[in-house]
Amino acid sequence: MARKATGKSGTKKGSGGATKSRKTGTSVARRAASSGGNSGSQESMGDAFIKLLQSPLVAELVAVAATAALAALAEHGFTSRDETTRSRRAGKAVKAAGKAAASAIGRRLANEFEEIRAAAKDPRARAKA
């Protein structure tokens, strides 16, 4: 069980009115995972995250991003002999690769949402699914 915290001075009066100096550690009360209205535990959240990473859509988004980043890196090329300009160009190339990957993911997600909206509006598309 956790001990009660002492005052600022860290002293506690014992029997006979003498003060004793005693080190007290800080203790933190642990709450059960189910308290506070949380229905899921950390384990189930981790499992859900792993399932999300294994989904086909996430795999496709990673592939699209990697392809766009690789294309952006190849576009910049590294032909300079000077080390200072090479490192500066490399930084710009990596930044451009990140932007290309992000925009490719954005376009792919936008296309995915448009397909879902079109399927929701068209009753014939619902029958096919």
Protein backbone atom coordinates (compact mmCIF):
# COMPACT_ATOMS: atom_id res chain seq x y z
CA MET A 1 0.00 0.00 0.00
CA ALA A 2 1.13 3.54 -0.67
CA ARG A 3 2.31 5.67 2.23
CA LYS A 4 0.84 9.06 2.91
CA ALA A 5 2.93 11.96 1.71
CA THR A 6 4.66 14.03 4.37
CA GLY A 7 4.89 17.79 4.51
CA LYS A 8 7.33 19.92 2.53
CA SER A 9 10.14 19.43 5.02
CA GLY A 10 9.97 15.66 4.83
CA THR A 11 9.78 15.27 8.60
CA LYS A 12 7.27 13.34 10.59
CA LYS A 13 6.59 13.55 14.29
CA GLY A 14 7.11 10.30 16.10
CA SER A 15 6.18 9.33 19.62
CA GLY A 16 7.50 11.72 22.23
CA GLY A 17 7.34 14.82 20.03
CA ALA A 18 10.80 14.35 18.39
CA THR A 19 11.07 14.87 14.65
CA LYS A 20 12.63 12.23 12.44
CA SER A 21 13.95 12.89 8.98
CA ARG A 22 12.68 10.25 6.63
CA LYS A 23 12.91 9.93 2.84
CA THR A 24 9.59 9.37 1.19
CA GLY A 25 9.25 8.18 -2.36
CA THR A 26 6.56 9.41 -4.62
CA SER A 27 3.84 6.92 -5.25
CA VAL A 28 1.29 6.91 -8.00
CA ALA A 29 -2.02 5.14 -7.69
CA ARG A 30 -2.76 2.91 -10.68
CA ARG A 31 -6.20 2.80 -12.16
CA ALA A 32 -7.69 -0.29 -13.67
CA ALA A 33 -8.00 -0.24 -17.46
CA SER A 34 -11.78 -0.59 -17.25
CA SER A 35 -12.27 2.43 -14.96
CA GLY A 36 -13.09 5.82 -16.38
CA GLY A 37 -15.50 4.52 -19.00
CA ASN A 38 -12.88 2.98 -21.28
CA SER A 39 -14.35 -0.16 -22.80
CA GLY A 40 -11.19 -1.30 -24.61
CA SER A 41 -7.84 -2.14 -23.15
CA GLN A 42 -4.43 -1.22 -24.50
CA GLU A 43 -4.08 -4.69 -25.99
CA SER A 44 -7.25 -4.44 -28.05
CA MET A 45 -6.26 -1.00 -29.29
CA GLY A 46 -2.89 -2.37 -30.37
CA ASP A 47 -4.58 -5.27 -32.15
CA ALA A 48 -6.90 -2.87 -33.94
CA PHE A 49 -3.92 -0.77 -35.05
CA ILE A 50 -2.14 -3.85 -36.40
CA LYS A 51 -5.26 -4.89 -38.31
CA LEU A 52 -5.46 -1.39 -39.77
CA LEU A 53 -1.86 -1.57 -40.94
CA GLN A 54 -2.53 -4.93 -42.55
CA SER A 55 -5.54 -3.69 -44.51
CA PRO A 56 -5.32 -3.62 -48.32
CA LEU A 57 -6.06 0.11 -48.49
CA VAL A 58 -3.13 1.01 -46.23
CA ALA A 59 -0.83 -1.29 -48.19
CA GLU A 60 -1.92 0.40 -51.41
CA LEU A 61 -1.42 3.88 -49.94
CA VAL A 62 2.11 2.97 -48.83
CA ALA A 63 2.88 1.64 -52.31
CA VAL A 64 1.52 4.78 -53.98
CA ALA A 65 3.53 7.01 -51.62
CA ALA A 66 6.73 5.03 -52.15
CA THR A 67 6.34 5.16 -55.92
CA ALA A 68 5.74 8.91 -55.91
CA ALA A 69 8.69 9.53 -53.59
CA LEU A 70 10.99 7.41 -55.71
CA ALA A 71 9.91 9.23 -58.86
CA ALA A 72 10.56 12.61 -57.20
CA LEU A 73 14.01 11.49 -56.05
CA ALA A 74 14.89 10.20 -59.50
CA GLU A 75 13.72 13.47 -61.03
CA HIS A 76 16.24 15.51 -59.01
CA GLY A 77 19.33 13.47 -59.90
CA PHE A 78 22.74 13.94 -58.28
CA THR A 79 25.36 14.99 -60.79
CA SER A 80 27.06 17.80 -58.87
CA ARG A 81 30.66 17.20 -57.72
CA ASP A 82 30.63 19.87 -54.99
CA GLU A 83 29.74 18.41 -51.56
CA THR A 84 27.97 21.53 -50.25
CA THR A 85 25.64 21.83 -53.22
CA ARG A 86 25.12 18.05 -53.25
CA SER A 87 23.89 18.00 -49.65
CA ARG A 88 21.71 21.04 -50.26
CA ARG A 89 20.22 19.42 -53.35
CA ALA A 90 19.71 16.17 -51.45
CA GLY A 91 17.74 18.00 -48.78
CA LYS A 92 15.57 19.62 -51.42
CA ALA A 93 15.09 16.28 -53.15
CA VAL A 94 13.97 14.58 -49.93
CA LYS A 95 11.58 17.43 -49.20
CA ALA A 96 10.13 17.17 -52.71
CA ALA A 97 9.83 13.39 -52.30
CA GLY A 98 7.84 13.86 -49.10
CA LYS A 99 5.54 16.36 -50.76
CA ALA A 100 5.04 14.04 -53.73
CA ALA A 101 4.23 11.12 -51.45
CA ALA A 102 1.74 13.16 -49.44
CA SER A 103 -0.01 14.49 -52.52
CA ALA A 104 -0.18 10.99 -54.05
CA ILE A 105 -1.82 9.66 -50.89
CA GLY A 106 -4.23 12.59 -50.92
CA ARG A 107 -5.21 11.95 -54.54
CA ARG A 108 -5.67 8.23 -53.89
CA LEU A 109 -7.84 8.84 -50.83
CA ALA A 110 -9.89 11.43 -52.72
CA ASN A 111 -10.49 8.89 -55.51
CA GLU A 112 -11.48 6.27 -52.95
CA PHE A 113 -13.99 8.63 -51.31
CA GLU A 114 -15.44 9.61 -54.69
CA GLU A 115 -15.98 5.93 -55.55
CA ILE A 116 -17.73 5.39 -52.23
CA ARG A 117 -19.96 8.45 -52.75
CA ALA A 118 -20.83 7.36 -56.28
CA ALA A 119 -21.67 3.86 -55.08
CA ALA A 120 -23.86 5.27 -52.32
CA LYS A 121 -25.84 7.45 -54.75
CA ASP A 122 -26.23 4.91 -57.55
CA PRO A 123 -28.66 2.09 -56.66
CA ARG A 124 -27.25 -0.14 -59.44
CA ALA A 125 -23.78 0.08 -57.88
CA ARG A 126 -25.21 -1.13 -54.55
CA ALA A 127 -26.66 -4.21 -56.22
CA LYS A 128 -23.26 -5.13 -57.66
CA ALA A 129 -21.54 -4.88 -54.27
